[in-house]
């Protein structure tokens, strides 16, 4: 909080007495009044500074004290004179403070009383004086009437001490308040109603006029709740509870039977009056009576004498004042219905009367929506009205049948319709048993009746034969004798009688070597068939299962011919000659004609080597023969074997891995040499090694020639394509020839001896070939371009050329004739197809299509 002083305290020193015996006394400050504003300063804030001097130049000290028993709000620094706040100020508790201010030079002291006035700040909220409170207001109080005066006080001064009032949610409230006086009244046009709201909670706000606080404008407010209890008044008529009212008269009711009891209460629930009941303008006083106190309505006659089925009775409920006078009243209606007793259950009828068992024989899969004509069923309920209303339901397997109608009043003819034709299958149900159920709907007794319906189904040919599997996989060893068993296929047809008998047959290009027993489905090889896995190891064909009416299905059969080890390995030649260069391998190869592993897998071994068996190794898988790794030269071989001849004979065995295993041997003659002994580089080495294989040399030469031809063709094709792309399309060209002189041909005598043989047919010309002018004629409005072209002289020919045609001026220019055409390919001769081949191909195609459709449906 800020302290505002109206004047600073200043002091000086003066003399007192004569000049000789001067005693320096500090001159005290004048007594001043200064103002300090509450709430603007916090504890420890400097609010003033004392300043005094000593004429003698002595240092002065400052002091600050309060009256005994007073609260000390300030503290002074004795050296610098700064006065600080040590307690918070509150004007509402103490608006002025007396302080004793002193100054001393150590010998003399001057004390002065100073009064500090605390100025007001807007720091207090308005305080309600008479709420929260609870008041009672009569519900008949007129609108605009004052019901309460709210009082609130704000201890601040000025605008901060003024108070105004307002209500929370004043727009939706039934009340209004004067903002200055605080008088609460009921709004004009609004009334209190005890029957709607018994208690109102009104929130009232009190707000001050605002004022300065900490240098800012501040408004403070407070709220409180006023509880208003509405006092009930006798202003509401009685009302009936549980309307509308319905009563029933049954055919067995007796006079005096209770029909219904009405209940009414006074609308003024806080102070209710007793109720009296009576009929209001009732024309049926001889039929009904009502108890005035309890409101119980009773029957006064027998039901058989009643002329109407429905009666509308008006009942009045009146308030009775303490003096016994009838006051306000309320009226309600009571609907009384004459009800027939539900004493007859539904009953089913056949052609000969009541019946609860119905039978029918029919073929399976009737059309959906078809009516079962063989069932004659009727249903009846002898009661009247709601007692004769019942529902019909079919209870049985699935939803194959549906009953119509489903709701009946009194009686109806029952119709059974086919709902699901596919489910009515003889193969699943030889007969169907349903229960037809009739149940009353709106009666408490819920009487019901049942009838059994038995439907005997007759079989039809509605099923095609079906294989146990879509495909069959069989394996049979090769070389099996004709008539060997391959596989057995099985198809079933759930139809009965001849429709369930299945016949098998084979189709497809792979079925030629097989046959099937038409009745059992056993597949055998043809008696003359010879299966060889090396020729063909896989067969697939189709087997067809067909019933007596031509319905069929297909299955695919896959037959694998198992390979047997029936071929021994074989070398190309049983005596082989090879040249081995030290550091390289010599390869031999054997072939096994068996179709599968391990029957055709060959292993190579060296059975014997002469003159020494210790210098060679062979790769068991590839057949490559190499020298031992430590043999690097012929000298090493000579040192090991002590042989001067480097020609070896090896007996090599080739054995397959089949069961039983077969083997064969070959003699390999190997000449060992060193690479330096071979001349001609790689070619010489190759020729040296292949000197005993003329076919291999020829194959190499043929490969080289073929490669050269291919390269030549590729280069020629590339050159042709480049020249073709570089040619430009030029305008149409017309060739004109200039007139030329007649040209003569001079030939030397062929019988005259010439210096050279070529001179015998040399042509001598007197003049050169005439110049030919080619004129480009543009059809795109381009200037004519004339080009002069002179052909080279004709070459010499071994025979005489024909004389040129003479040119006659004025005739049509000579043009070069052209001709275009295409060569039609020779039509291929169609193979002759017999009628049986056409039928077989069509049947196989249809079988494949059906099998593919069946597979697609299976995986959907």
Foldseek 3Di string as FASTA:
>chain_A
DAWFFPDAWEWEWDWDDDPPPTDIATGGTDAGEGEGEAQQDDFFAFHHFYYTATPVRAAKFKAKDADPPDDDQWGAGGRGRTITGHDGDDCLVPQKGKMWIWMGRPPHMDIDIYMYGYHYFLDWEKAKDADPDEEEDEQPDAAPDFDDWTDIFTSTDDQSTAKFKFWDPVVPDQWGAGGRGRTIGGHHPDTGDCLVPFKDKIKMKIKTRWGDHNRDTDIHMDIGIYMYGYDFDQDFAKDWPPDDAEWEAEQPDAFFAWTDATDIWGSRVVDTAAKFKDWDPDPVPQAWGAHGRGRIITGHHHPVPDPDFKDKTKMKIFGADPVRDTDHIDIHIYIYGYDYDLDWFKFKAAPVGTAQEAEEEEAALDPFFDWRVRGWMKMFTPGDDLSQKKAKDKDWPDPQKGWPPGIDGGMDTIIITGHDRVVRACLVPQKTKIKIKIWRDPDPVGHIDIHIYMYGYDYDLPWAWDWPDQEAEWEAAFQDAFFAWTDATDTFRSTDDQSTQKFKFWADPQCPQWGAHGRGRTITGHNPDGGAVLVPFKGKTKMWIATPVGGIAIHMYIYGHDWALPWAKAFPDQEAEFEDAAPAWDAGDIFTSIDDPQSGQKFKDWPDKPPDDQFWDAHGRGRIIHGPPVDRAVVVVCVVVVDPFQKMKIKMKIWGDGVVIHIDIGIYIYRYDHPVVFPDPPVSVVCVRCVVPPVVVVVVVVVVVVVVVVVVVVVVVVVVVVVVVPDDDAADKDKADDADDDWDWDADDLVDDDPDPLNNQDIDTPDFDDKIKIWGDDPVPDDIDIDIDGDDGDDTDPDDDDGDDHDDPPDDGDDDDDDDDDDDDDDDDDDDDDPVNVVSVVVRVVNVVSSVVVVVVVVD
